[in-house]
Amino acid sequence: MYDVVALGEAMIRLAAPNFRRLEQSTSFEVTVGGSELSVAAGVSRLGLKSTWVSRLPDNPLGRMIRNKAWEFGVDTHIVWAAAERAGLYFVEFGAAPRASSVLYDRVDSAMSRIRPGEVAWEEILKGARLFHTSGITPALSDTAAEATAEALEAAEAAGCLVSYDLNYRAKLWGRERAKAVQAPFMAKVDILITTEEDTERVFGIVGKDYKEVAVKLADQFGFRVVTITLRGTPSVWRNTWSAFAYADGAFYEDITYDIELVDRLGGGDAYSAGFVYGYLTGDLEKGVRYGNAFSVLKQTMWGDLNWATLEEVEARLKGAGFRITR
């Protein structure tokens, strides 16, 4: 039995070194990245039992992705596909005033071809505490959207909590399509995780501030919890970060962190992992505090996945300083 079951695509990530443009680069730093795998890996890193469900090509790149999940202690349930491809994404790191950017090469990836009926959800979700996915998964294709709907229905039938990161990606689909596909999903979601912008982009919901947006989301869709991350970007490599949660008429807030960024990619997923860990092992207040601390630590580390430990998170929450640990 798993604490957390996650569904989604992970890709081979190729990052241009030394602030080079992609078209300048003659080599790339290679690792693995993907939203839902990052959440599964994060909660595993913090001490929960997790599994990641996906569809991968039966080739060395597919095995590389699977092996990265194993490295983080994540069990896997993989639909192996012969003669198909892994998704790729390329990262170009910027410096003010040029922002960092991502280029996807994931059309017709193995995960984009997932179909309902390929995953034994009843078996995987038996006894699970929480199912997690994000808006990236249904954006991959019509069949991926159908498979996401199937997974959400199975999670509801299994009686486990459902967390869903809205995770809007304009490079994968447009706003109208994102709303049409995802609005029906929301009836099965207990915990919505979103950002400052994505609620407006997908659902057209705005307010005088993000607390009002959270209330409107909960009122419209009946979520048990809405949690919103808040990123400030005074420069490319110095950001601020915080988040809050809303439930039953109450707000749960935390401090705002200043971050000297190393790699912001995966910061939102690290928040999701820390929030889920804190919520499942404590309460909403713990979820927000652990989510924020886990996220800011991740953003000081290269790569999508979070190498921070529970001990480091708790030291951060106690106000750990900046002196070298010897």
C-alpha atoms as a PDB file:
ATOM      1  CA  MET A   1       0.000   0.000   0.000  1.00  0.00           C
ATOM      2  CA  TYR A   2       1.231   3.468  -0.897  1.00  0.00           C
ATOM      3  CA  ASP A   3       0.975   6.812   0.820  1.00  0.00           C
ATOM      4  CA  VAL A   4       1.104   8.594  -2.553  1.00  0.00           C
ATOM      5  CA  VAL A   5       0.362   7.394  -6.093  1.00  0.00           C
ATOM      6  CA  ALA A   6       1.331   9.800  -8.908  1.00  0.00           C
ATOM      7  CA  LEU A   7       0.484   9.703 -12.616  1.00  0.00           C
ATOM      8  CA  GLY A   8       2.366  11.619 -15.287  1.00  0.00           C
ATOM      9  CA  GLU A   9       5.133  11.933 -17.837  1.00  0.00           C
ATOM     10  CA  ALA A  10       8.825  12.296 -17.117  1.00  0.00           C
ATOM     11  CA  MET A  11      11.258  13.325 -19.822  1.00  0.00           C
ATOM     12  CA  ILE A  12      14.928  13.436 -20.575  1.00  0.00           C
ATOM     13  CA  ARG A  13      16.095  16.934 -19.651  1.00  0.00           C
ATOM     14  CA  LEU A  14      18.956  18.478 -21.640  1.00  0.00           C
ATOM     15  CA  ALA A  15      20.329  21.717 -20.212  1.00  0.00           C
ATOM     16  CA  ALA A  16      22.670  24.030 -22.092  1.00  0.00           C
ATOM     17  CA  PRO A  17      25.757  24.648 -19.913  1.00  0.00           C
ATOM     18  CA  ASN A  18      27.368  27.940 -18.926  1.00  0.00           C
ATOM     19  CA  PHE A  19      24.408  30.170 -19.877  1.00  0.00           C
ATOM     20  CA  ARG A  20      24.756  29.255 -23.539  1.00  0.00           C
ATOM     21  CA  ARG A  21      21.876  29.567 -25.976  1.00  0.00           C
ATOM     22  CA  LEU A  22      20.593  26.242 -27.261  1.00  0.00           C
ATOM     23  CA  GLU A  23      21.864  26.950 -30.763  1.00  0.00           C
ATOM     24  CA  GLN A  24      25.336  27.693 -29.356  1.00  0.00           C
ATOM     25  CA  SER A  25      25.616  24.484 -27.390  1.00  0.00           C
ATOM     26  CA  THR A  26      27.777  21.549 -28.412  1.00  0.00           C
ATOM     27  CA  SER A  27      26.990  19.520 -25.293  1.00  0.00           C
ATOM     28  CA  PHE A  28      24.174  19.260 -22.762  1.00  0.00           C
ATOM     29  CA  GLU A  29      23.861  18.274 -19.119  1.00  0.00           C
ATOM     30  CA  VAL A  30      21.462  15.333 -19.083  1.00  0.00           C
ATOM     31  CA  THR A  31      19.068  14.303 -16.350  1.00  0.00           C
ATOM     32  CA  VAL A  32      15.396  13.447 -15.857  1.00  0.00           C
ATOM     33  CA  GLY A  33      12.513  15.818 -15.212  1.00  0.00           C
ATOM     34  CA  GLY A  34       8.759  15.644 -14.872  1.00  0.00           C
ATOM     35  CA  SER A  35       6.174  17.176 -12.563  1.00  0.00           C
ATOM     36  CA  GLU A  36       4.457  14.132 -11.109  1.00  0.00           C
ATOM     37  CA  LEU A  37       7.654  12.113 -10.793  1.00  0.00           C
ATOM     38  CA  SER A  38       9.132  15.068  -8.902  1.00  0.00           C
ATOM     39  CA  VAL A  39       6.240  14.881  -6.425  1.00  0.00           C
ATOM     40  CA  ALA A  40       6.582  11.114  -5.992  1.00  0.00           C
ATOM     41  CA  ALA A  41      10.343  11.481  -5.529  1.00  0.00           C
ATOM     42  CA  GLY A  42       9.919  14.354  -3.087  1.00  0.00           C
ATOM     43  CA  VAL A  43       7.515  12.575  -0.749  1.00  0.00           C
ATOM     44  CA  SER A  44       9.755   9.503  -0.880  1.00  0.00           C
ATOM     45  CA  ARG A  45      12.738  11.651   0.040  1.00  0.00           C
ATOM     46  CA  LEU A  46      10.775  12.941   3.039  1.00  0.00           C
ATOM     47  CA  GLY A  47       9.884   9.443   4.206  1.00  0.00           C
ATOM     48  CA  LEU A  48       6.554   8.421   2.653  1.00  0.00           C
ATOM     49  CA  LYS A  49       6.016   5.398   0.417  1.00  0.00           C
ATOM     50  CA  SER A  50       5.207   6.406  -3.155  1.00  0.00           C
ATOM     51  CA  THR A  51       4.786   4.990  -6.609  1.00  0.00           C
ATOM     52  CA  TRP A  52       4.821   6.640 -10.026  1.00  0.00           C
ATOM     53  CA  VAL A  53       2.626   5.479 -12.904  1.00  0.00           C
ATOM     54  CA  SER A  54       3.633   6.268 -16.469  1.00  0.00           C
ATOM     55  CA  ARG A  55       4.139   4.954 -19.990  1.00  0.00           C
ATOM     56  CA  LEU A  56       7.715   4.754 -21.284  1.00  0.00           C
ATOM     57  CA  PRO A  57       9.533   3.508 -24.360  1.00  0.00           C
ATOM     58  CA  ASP A  58      11.179   0.123 -23.916  1.00  0.00           C
ATOM     59  CA  ASN A  59      14.656   1.423 -24.709  1.00  0.00           C
ATOM     60  CA  PRO A  60      17.657   2.876 -22.845  1.00  0.00           C
ATOM     61  CA  LEU A  61      16.050   6.312 -22.438  1.00  0.00           C
ATOM     62  CA  GLY A  62      12.912   4.792 -20.943  1.00  0.00           C
ATOM     63  CA  ARG A  63      15.027   2.741 -18.571  1.00  0.00           C
ATOM     64  CA  MET A  64      17.058   5.823 -17.640  1.00  0.00           C
ATOM     65  CA  ILE A  65      13.854   7.574 -16.581  1.00  0.00           C
ATOM     66  CA  ARG A  66      12.615   4.522 -14.671  1.00  0.00           C
ATOM     67  CA  ASN A  67      15.982   4.134 -12.952  1.00  0.00           C
ATOM     68  CA  LYS A  68      15.894   7.748 -11.761  1.00  0.00           C
ATOM     69  CA  ALA A  69      12.585   7.020 -10.014  1.00  0.00           C
ATOM     70  CA  TRP A  70      14.179   4.000  -8.357  1.00  0.00           C
ATOM     71  CA  GLU A  71      17.172   6.097  -7.277  1.00  0.00           C
ATOM     72  CA  PHE A  72      14.770   8.232  -5.232  1.00  0.00           C
ATOM     73  CA  GLY A  73      13.114   5.205  -3.678  1.00  0.00           C
ATOM     74  CA  VAL A  74       9.962   5.465  -5.793  1.00  0.00           C
ATOM     75  CA  ASP A  75       8.200   2.278  -6.854  1.00  0.00           C
ATOM     76  CA  THR A  76       7.079   2.276 -10.482  1.00  0.00           C
ATOM     77  CA  HIS A  77       4.163   0.940 -12.472  1.00  0.00           C
ATOM     78  CA  ILE A  78       5.232   1.381 -16.087  1.00  0.00           C
ATOM     79  CA  VAL A  79       3.382   0.577 -19.286  1.00  0.00           C
ATOM     80  CA  TRP A  80       6.306  -0.355 -21.536  1.00  0.00           C
ATOM     81  CA  ALA A  81       5.903   0.592 -25.199  1.00  0.00           C
ATOM     82  CA  ALA A  82       7.962  -0.924 -27.996  1.00  0.00           C
ATOM     83  CA  ALA A  83       9.309   1.264 -30.812  1.00  0.00           C
ATOM     84  CA  GLU A  84       8.156   4.535 -29.233  1.00  0.00           C
ATOM     85  CA  ARG A  85       9.986   7.588 -27.924  1.00  0.00           C
ATOM     86  CA  ALA A  86      10.723   9.365 -24.680  1.00  0.00           C
ATOM     87  CA  GLY A  87       9.772  13.001 -24.398  1.00  0.00           C
ATOM     88  CA  LEU A  88      12.643  15.484 -24.296  1.00  0.00           C
ATOM     89  CA  TYR A  89      12.922  18.983 -22.995  1.00  0.00           C
ATOM     90  CA  PHE A  90      15.712  21.494 -23.370  1.00  0.00           C
ATOM     91  CA  VAL A  91      16.584  24.194 -20.829  1.00  0.00           C
ATOM     92  CA  GLU A  92      18.281  27.480 -21.606  1.00  0.00           C
ATOM     93  CA  PHE A  93      19.300  29.395 -18.474  1.00  0.00           C
ATOM     94  CA  GLY A  94      19.025  33.158 -18.762  1.00  0.00           C
ATOM     95  CA  ALA A  95      20.400  36.117 -16.840  1.00  0.00           C
ATOM     96  CA  ALA A  96      18.694  39.480 -16.333  1.00  0.00           C
ATOM     97  CA  PRO A  97      17.223  40.883 -18.479  1.00  0.00           C
ATOM     98  CA  ARG A  98      16.938  37.596 -20.463  1.00  0.00           C
ATOM     99  CA  ALA A  99      14.663  35.033 -18.813  1.00  0.00           C
ATOM    100  CA  SER A 100      15.364  31.316 -18.749  1.00  0.00           C
ATOM    101  CA  SER A 101      13.326  29.247 -21.194  1.00  0.00           C
ATOM    102  CA  VAL A 102      12.228  25.697 -21.971  1.00  0.00           C
ATOM    103  CA  LEU A 103      11.835  23.996 -25.356  1.00  0.00           C
ATOM    104  CA  TYR A 104       9.699  20.837 -25.483  1.00  0.00           C
ATOM    105  CA  ASP A 105      10.218  17.927 -27.854  1.00  0.00           C
ATOM    106  CA  ARG A 106       7.499  15.600 -26.561  1.00  0.00           C
ATOM    107  CA  VAL A 107       4.971  15.252 -29.394  1.00  0.00           C
ATOM    108  CA  ASP A 108       3.975  11.576 -29.812  1.00  0.00           C
ATOM    109  CA  SER A 109       5.942  10.545 -26.745  1.00  0.00           C
ATOM    110  CA  ALA A 110       5.094   7.174 -25.234  1.00  0.00           C
ATOM    111  CA  MET A 111       3.153   8.836 -22.394  1.00  0.00           C
ATOM    112  CA  SER A 112       1.127  10.939 -24.818  1.00  0.00           C
ATOM    113  CA  ARG A 113      -0.183   7.661 -26.267  1.00  0.00           C
ATOM    114  CA  ILE A 114      -1.468   6.258 -22.995  1.00  0.00           C
ATOM    115  CA  ARG A 115      -5.064   5.042 -23.187  1.00  0.00           C
ATOM    116  CA  PRO A 116      -7.736   4.059 -20.693  1.00  0.00           C
ATOM    117  CA  GLY A 117      -7.496   0.412 -19.711  1.00  0.00           C
ATOM    118  CA  GLU A 118      -3.697   0.215 -19.758  1.00  0.00           C
ATOM    119  CA  VAL A 119      -3.178   0.714 -16.005  1.00  0.00           C
ATOM    120  CA  ALA A 120      -4.416  -1.633 -13.267  1.00  0.00           C
ATOM    121  CA  TRP A 121      -5.704   1.197 -11.104  1.00  0.00           C
ATOM    122  CA  GLU A 122      -7.741  -0.902  -8.685  1.00  0.00           C
ATOM    123  CA  GLU A 123      -4.651  -2.864  -7.690  1.00  0.00           C
ATOM    124  CA  ILE A 124      -2.310   0.142  -7.527  1.00  0.00           C
ATOM    125  CA  LEU A 125      -4.684   2.339  -5.511  1.00  0.00           C
ATOM    126  CA  LYS A 126      -5.738  -0.302  -3.016  1.00  0.00           C
ATOM    127  CA  GLY A 127      -5.078   1.182   0.415  1.00  0.00           C
ATOM    128  CA  ALA A 128      -3.478   4.346  -1.036  1.00  0.00           C
ATOM    129  CA  ARG A 129      -3.821   7.530   1.002  1.00  0.00           C
ATOM    130  CA  LEU A 130      -3.511  10.074  -1.818  1.00  0.00           C
ATOM    131  CA  PHE A 131      -3.487  10.183  -5.627  1.00  0.00           C
ATOM    132  CA  HIS A 132      -1.669  13.032  -7.358  1.00  0.00           C
ATOM    133  CA  THR A 133      -1.560  14.264 -10.919  1.00  0.00           C
ATOM    134  CA  SER A 134      -1.434  17.604 -12.720  1.00  0.00           C
ATOM    135  CA  GLY A 135      -2.787  19.525 -15.675  1.00  0.00           C
ATOM    136  CA  ILE A 136       0.273  18.584 -17.701  1.00  0.00           C
ATOM    137  CA  THR A 137      -0.887  14.977 -18.093  1.00  0.00           C
ATOM    138  CA  PRO A 138      -4.243  15.606 -19.848  1.00  0.00           C
ATOM    139  CA  ALA A 139      -2.566  18.297 -21.966  1.00  0.00           C
ATOM    140  CA  LEU A 140      -0.432  15.662 -23.719  1.00  0.00           C
ATOM    141  CA  SER A 141      -3.212  14.247 -25.918  1.00  0.00           C
ATOM    142  CA  ASP A 142      -6.901  13.371 -26.045  1.00  0.00           C
ATOM    143  CA  THR A 143      -6.173   9.818 -24.940  1.00  0.00           C
ATOM    144  CA  ALA A 144      -3.992  11.066 -22.081  1.00  0.00           C
ATOM    145  CA  ALA A 145      -6.912  13.228 -20.965  1.00  0.00           C
ATOM    146  CA  GLU A 146      -9.173  10.173 -21.066  1.00  0.00           C
ATOM    147  CA  ALA A 147      -6.620   8.170 -19.083  1.00  0.00           C
ATOM    148  CA  THR A 148      -6.426  10.979 -16.511  1.00  0.00           C
ATOM    149  CA  ALA A 149     -10.207  10.903 -16.137  1.00  0.00           C
ATOM    150  CA  GLU A 150     -10.051   7.134 -15.654  1.00  0.00           C
ATOM    151  CA  ALA A 151      -7.398   7.511 -12.942  1.00  0.00           C
ATOM    152  CA  LEU A 152      -9.408  10.171 -11.091  1.00  0.00           C
ATOM    153  CA  GLU A 153     -12.498   7.983 -11.161  1.00  0.00           C
ATOM    154  CA  ALA A 154     -10.472   5.051  -9.831  1.00  0.00           C
ATOM    155  CA  ALA A 155      -9.014   7.201  -7.051  1.00  0.00           C
ATOM    156  CA  GLU A 156     -12.494   8.312  -6.040  1.00  0.00           C
ATOM    157  CA  ALA A 157     -13.692   4.703  -6.047  1.00  0.00           C
ATOM    158  CA  ALA A 158     -10.689   3.690  -3.918  1.00  0.00           C
ATOM    159  CA  GLY A 159     -11.592   6.332  -1.349  1.00  0.00           C
ATOM    160  CA  CYS A 160      -8.233   8.095  -1.346  1.00  0.00           C
ATOM    161  CA  LEU A 161      -7.613  11.824  -1.319  1.00  0.00           C
ATOM    162  CA  VAL A 162      -6.881  13.480  -4.671  1.00  0.00           C
ATOM    163  CA  SER A 163      -4.416  16.341  -5.095  1.00  0.00           C
ATOM    164  CA  TYR A 164      -4.237  18.103  -8.458  1.00  0.00           C
ATOM    165  CA  ASP A 165      -1.734  20.739  -9.564  1.00  0.00           C
ATOM    166  CA  LEU A 166      -3.337  22.922 -12.236  1.00  0.00           C
ATOM    167  CA  ASN A 167       0.108  23.358 -13.848  1.00  0.00           C
ATOM    168  CA  TYR A 168      -1.009  25.191 -17.009  1.00  0.00           C
ATOM    169  CA  ARG A 169       1.473  24.893 -19.878  1.00  0.00           C
ATOM    170  CA  ALA A 170       0.723  27.263 -22.759  1.00  0.00           C
ATOM    171  CA  LYS A 171       3.169  25.360 -24.984  1.00  0.00           C
ATOM    172  CA  LEU A 172       0.987  22.234 -24.689  1.00  0.00           C
ATOM    173  CA  TRP A 173      -2.571  23.577 -25.102  1.00  0.00           C
ATOM    174  CA  GLY A 174      -4.715  26.693 -25.153  1.00  0.00           C
ATOM    175  CA  ARG A 175      -6.800  28.125 -22.343  1.00  0.00           C
ATOM    176  CA  GLU A 176     -10.198  27.130 -23.731  1.00  0.00           C
ATOM    177  CA  ARG A 177      -9.149  23.520 -24.218  1.00  0.00           C
ATOM    178  CA  ALA A 178      -7.517  23.423 -20.772  1.00  0.00           C
ATOM    179  CA  LYS A 179     -10.760  24.611 -19.173  1.00  0.00           C
ATOM    180  CA  ALA A 180     -13.014  22.295 -21.168  1.00  0.00           C
ATOM    181  CA  VAL A 181     -10.972  19.212 -20.298  1.00  0.00           C
ATOM    182  CA  GLN A 182     -10.183  19.979 -16.672  1.00  0.00           C
ATOM    183  CA  ALA A 183     -13.376  21.554 -15.339  1.00  0.00           C
ATOM    184  CA  PRO A 184     -15.133  18.150 -15.140  1.00  0.00           C
ATOM    185  CA  PHE A 185     -12.131  16.723 -13.260  1.00  0.00           C
ATOM    186  CA  MET A 186     -12.502  19.207 -10.425  1.00  0.00           C
ATOM    187  CA  ALA A 187     -15.476  17.382  -8.881  1.00  0.00           C
ATOM    188  CA  LYS A 188     -13.081  14.561  -7.969  1.00  0.00           C
ATOM    189  CA  VAL A 189     -10.302  16.801  -6.565  1.00  0.00           C
ATOM    190  CA  ASP A 190      -9.889  17.320  -2.807  1.00  0.00           C
ATOM    191  CA  ILE A 191      -6.725  19.466  -2.848  1.00  0.00           C
ATOM    192  CA  LEU A 192      -6.110  21.973  -5.633  1.00  0.00           C
ATOM    193  CA  ILE A 193      -2.564  23.275  -5.965  1.00  0.00           C
ATOM    194  CA  THR A 194      -2.138  26.276  -8.224  1.00  0.00           C
ATOM    195  CA  THR A 195      -0.132  29.454  -8.873  1.00  0.00           C
ATOM    196  CA  GLU A 196      -0.782  33.172  -8.987  1.00  0.00           C
ATOM    197  CA  GLU A 197      -1.592  33.065 -12.714  1.00  0.00           C
ATOM    198  CA  ASP A 198      -2.940  29.618 -13.588  1.00  0.00           C
ATOM    199  CA  THR A 199      -6.387  30.014 -12.028  1.00  0.00           C
ATOM    200  CA  GLU A 200      -7.099  33.003 -14.251  1.00  0.00           C
ATOM    201  CA  ARG A 201      -5.625  31.335 -17.333  1.00  0.00           C
ATOM    202  CA  VAL A 202      -7.649  28.137 -16.997  1.00  0.00           C
ATOM    203  CA  PHE A 203     -10.855  29.106 -15.165  1.00  0.00           C
ATOM    204  CA  GLY A 204     -10.980  32.875 -15.670  1.00  0.00           C
ATOM    205  CA  ILE A 205     -11.228  33.401 -11.902  1.00  0.00           C
ATOM    206  CA  VAL A 206      -9.808  36.681 -10.576  1.00  0.00           C
ATOM    207  CA  GLY A 207     -10.104  38.607  -7.322  1.00  0.00           C
ATOM    208  CA  LYS A 208      -8.758  41.603  -5.490  1.00  0.00           C
ATOM    209  CA  ASP A 209      -6.022  39.318  -4.152  1.00  0.00           C
ATOM    210  CA  TYR A 210      -5.143  35.628  -4.174  1.00  0.00           C
ATOM    211  CA  LYS A 211      -7.001  34.940  -0.953  1.00  0.00           C
ATOM    212  CA  GLU A 212     -10.196  35.976  -2.692  1.00  0.00           C
ATOM    213  CA  VAL A 213      -9.248  33.747  -5.633  1.00  0.00           C
ATOM    214  CA  ALA A 214      -8.804  30.786  -3.260  1.00  0.00           C
ATOM    215  CA  VAL A 215     -12.245  31.400  -1.749  1.00  0.00           C
ATOM    216  CA  LYS A 216     -13.846  31.602  -5.200  1.00  0.00           C
ATOM    217  CA  LEU A 217     -12.171  28.352  -6.243  1.00  0.00           C
ATOM    218  CA  ALA A 218     -13.376  26.527  -3.140  1.00  0.00           C
ATOM    219  CA  ASP A 219     -16.882  27.914  -3.509  1.00  0.00           C
ATOM    220  CA  GLN A 220     -17.160  27.073  -7.203  1.00  0.00           C
ATOM    221  CA  PHE A 221     -15.686  23.568  -7.158  1.00  0.00           C
ATOM    222  CA  GLY A 222     -16.119  22.406  -3.577  1.00  0.00           C
ATOM    223  CA  PHE A 223     -12.445  21.682  -2.904  1.00  0.00           C
ATOM    224  CA  ARG A 224     -11.499  20.582   0.591  1.00  0.00           C
ATOM    225  CA  VAL A 225      -8.260  22.603   0.311  1.00  0.00           C
ATOM    226  CA  VAL A 226      -6.924  25.240  -2.082  1.00  0.00           C
ATOM    227  CA  THR A 227      -3.240  26.069  -1.837  1.00  0.00           C
ATOM    228  CA  ILE A 228      -1.584  28.778  -3.938  1.00  0.00           C
ATOM    229  CA  THR A 229       2.142  29.366  -4.390  1.00  0.00           C
ATOM    230  CA  LEU A 230       3.428  32.927  -4.682  1.00  0.00           C
ATOM    231  CA  ARG A 231       6.659  33.679  -6.541  1.00  0.00           C
ATOM    232  CA  GLY A 232       8.216  37.120  -6.838  1.00  0.00           C
ATOM    233  CA  THR A 233      10.817  37.690  -9.561  1.00  0.00           C
ATOM    234  CA  PRO A 234      12.878  40.804  -8.843  1.00  0.00           C
ATOM    235  CA  SER A 235      15.575  39.256 -11.051  1.00  0.00           C
ATOM    236  CA  VAL A 236      16.259  36.004 -12.900  1.00  0.00           C
ATOM    237  CA  TRP A 237      18.450  34.602 -10.121  1.00  0.00           C
ATOM    238  CA  ARG A 238      16.897  36.205  -7.038  1.00  0.00           C
ATOM    239  CA  ASN A 239      13.283  35.286  -6.298  1.00  0.00           C
ATOM    240  CA  THR A 240      10.930  35.403  -3.369  1.00  0.00           C
ATOM    241  CA  TRP A 241       8.695  32.469  -2.489  1.00  0.00           C
ATOM    242  CA  SER A 242       5.752  31.781  -0.252  1.00  0.00           C
ATOM    243  CA  ALA A 243       2.389  29.991  -0.261  1.00  0.00           C
ATOM    244  CA  PHE A 244      -0.840  29.779   1.675  1.00  0.00           C
ATOM    245  CA  ALA A 245      -3.705  27.322   1.985  1.00  0.00           C
ATOM    246  CA  TYR A 246      -7.423  27.902   2.412  1.00  0.00           C
ATOM    247  CA  ALA A 247      -9.928  25.488   3.922  1.00  0.00           C
ATOM    248  CA  ASP A 248     -13.230  25.782   5.787  1.00  0.00           C
ATOM    249  CA  GLY A 249     -13.116  29.567   5.857  1.00  0.00           C
ATOM    250  CA  ALA A 250      -9.592  29.767   7.321  1.00  0.00           C
ATOM    251  CA  PHE A 251      -6.258  30.749   5.791  1.00  0.00           C
ATOM    252  CA  TYR A 252      -2.937  29.118   6.649  1.00  0.00           C
ATOM    253  CA  GLU A 253       0.065  31.318   5.808  1.00  0.00           C
ATOM    254  CA  ASP A 254       3.836  31.170   6.109  1.00  0.00           C
ATOM    255  CA  ILE A 255       6.841  33.463   5.858  1.00  0.00           C
ATOM    256  CA  THR A 256       8.202  34.737   2.550  1.00  0.00           C
ATOM    257  CA  TYR A 257      11.634  33.366   1.648  1.00  0.00           C
ATOM    258  CA  ASP A 258      14.357  35.114  -0.351  1.00  0.00           C
ATOM    259  CA  ILE A 259      16.092  32.637  -2.674  1.00  0.00           C
ATOM    260  CA  GLU A 260      19.437  32.747  -4.431  1.00  0.00           C
ATOM    261  CA  LEU A 261      18.404  30.466  -7.252  1.00  0.00           C
ATOM    262  CA  VAL A 262      20.441  27.640  -8.673  1.00  0.00           C
ATOM    263  CA  ASP A 263      17.571  26.080 -10.646  1.00  0.00           C
ATOM    264  CA  ARG A 264      13.934  27.098 -10.182  1.00  0.00           C
ATOM    265  CA  LEU A 265      12.555  24.262 -12.335  1.00  0.00           C
ATOM    266  CA  GLY A 266      10.684  21.835 -10.117  1.00  0.00           C
ATOM    267  CA  GLY A 267      10.115  24.401  -7.375  1.00  0.00           C
ATOM    268  CA  GLY A 268       6.348  24.099  -7.580  1.00  0.00           C
ATOM    269  CA  ASP A 269       6.506  20.305  -7.583  1.00  0.00           C
ATOM    270  CA  ALA A 270       8.740  20.403  -4.506  1.00  0.00           C
ATOM    271  CA  TYR A 271       6.106  22.536  -2.803  1.00  0.00           C
ATOM    272  CA  SER A 272       3.457  19.963  -3.728  1.00  0.00           C
ATOM    273  CA  ALA A 273       5.587  17.156  -2.298  1.00  0.00           C
ATOM    274  CA  GLY A 274       6.329  19.016   0.929  1.00  0.00           C
ATOM    275  CA  PHE A 275       2.709  20.080   1.296  1.00  0.00           C
ATOM    276  CA  VAL A 276       1.422  16.533   0.780  1.00  0.00           C
ATOM    277  CA  TYR A 277       3.965  15.193   3.259  1.00  0.00           C
ATOM    278  CA  GLY A 278       3.051  17.784   5.879  1.00  0.00           C
ATOM    279  CA  TYR A 279      -0.681  17.348   5.347  1.00  0.00           C
ATOM    280  CA  LEU A 280      -0.581  13.558   5.543  1.00  0.00           C
ATOM    281  CA  THR A 281       1.652  13.543   8.622  1.00  0.00           C
ATOM    282  CA  GLY A 282       0.102  16.524  10.371  1.00  0.00           C
ATOM    283  CA  ASP A 283      -2.287  19.227   9.250  1.00  0.00           C
ATOM    284  CA  LEU A 284      -2.717  22.140   6.858  1.00  0.00           C
ATOM    285  CA  GLU A 285      -0.363  24.427   8.731  1.00  0.00           C
ATOM    286  CA  LYS A 286       2.358  21.788   8.608  1.00  0.00           C
ATOM    287  CA  GLY A 287       1.636  21.220   4.931  1.00  0.00           C
ATOM    288  CA  VAL A 288       2.217  24.868   4.015  1.00  0.00           C
ATOM    289  CA  ARG A 289       5.345  25.250   6.161  1.00  0.00           C
ATOM    290  CA  TYR A 290       6.974  22.008   4.997  1.00  0.00           C
ATOM    291  CA  GLY A 291       5.938  22.677   1.399  1.00  0.00           C
ATOM    292  CA  ASN A 292       7.586  26.089   1.399  1.00  0.00           C
ATOM    293  CA  ALA A 293      10.773  24.921   3.113  1.00  0.00           C
ATOM    294  CA  PHE A 294      11.137  21.898   0.827  1.00  0.00           C
ATOM    295  CA  SER A 295      10.573  24.072  -2.233  1.00  0.00           C
ATOM    296  CA  VAL A 296      13.073  26.796  -1.394  1.00  0.00           C
ATOM    297  CA  LEU A 297      15.722  24.189  -0.641  1.00  0.00           C
ATOM    298  CA  LYS A 298      15.067  22.521  -3.981  1.00  0.00           C
ATOM    299  CA  GLN A 299      15.507  25.788  -5.843  1.00  0.00           C
ATOM    300  CA  THR A 300      19.074  25.987  -4.536  1.00  0.00           C
ATOM    301  CA  MET A 301      19.870  22.642  -6.224  1.00  0.00           C
ATOM    302  CA  TRP A 302      20.463  21.844  -9.863  1.00  0.00           C
ATOM    303  CA  GLY A 303      17.949  19.632 -11.669  1.00  0.00           C
ATOM    304  CA  ASP A 304      14.202  19.073 -11.424  1.00  0.00           C
ATOM    305  CA  LEU A 305      14.303  16.598  -8.554  1.00  0.00           C
ATOM    306  CA  ASN A 306      14.806  17.567  -4.920  1.00  0.00           C
ATOM    307  CA  TRP A 307      17.816  16.182  -3.041  1.00  0.00           C
ATOM    308  CA  ALA A 308      16.897  17.909   0.246  1.00  0.00           C
ATOM    309  CA  THR A 309      16.362  15.770   3.334  1.00  0.00           C
ATOM    310  CA  LEU A 310      13.715  15.919   6.033  1.00  0.00           C
ATOM    311  CA  GLU A 311      16.423  16.976   8.480  1.00  0.00           C
ATOM    312  CA  GLU A 312      17.355  19.938   6.264  1.00  0.00           C
ATOM    313  CA  VAL A 313      13.706  20.961   5.956  1.00  0.00           C
ATOM    314  CA  GLU A 314      13.247  20.905   9.720  1.00  0.00           C
ATOM    315  CA  ALA A 315      16.496  22.805  10.260  1.00  0.00           C
ATOM    316  CA  ARG A 316      15.257  25.442   7.806  1.00  0.00           C
ATOM    317  CA  LEU A 317      11.990  25.700   9.726  1.00  0.00           C
ATOM    318  CA  LYS A 318      13.970  26.266  12.926  1.00  0.00           C
ATOM    319  CA  GLY A 319      15.831  29.149  11.270  1.00  0.00           C
ATOM    320  CA  ALA A 320      19.081  27.503  10.193  1.00  0.00           C
ATOM    321  CA  GLY A 321      21.704  30.101   9.307  1.00  0.00           C
ATOM    322  CA  PHE A 322      24.102  30.418   6.386  1.00  0.00           C
ATOM    323  CA  ARG A 323      27.361  29.394   8.013  1.00  0.00           C
ATOM    324  CA  ILE A 324      29.135  26.328   6.692  1.00  0.00           C
ATOM    325  CA  THR A 325      28.024  23.125   8.405  1.00  0.00           C
ATOM    326  CA  ARG A 326      31.164  21.364   9.622  1.00  0.00           C
END
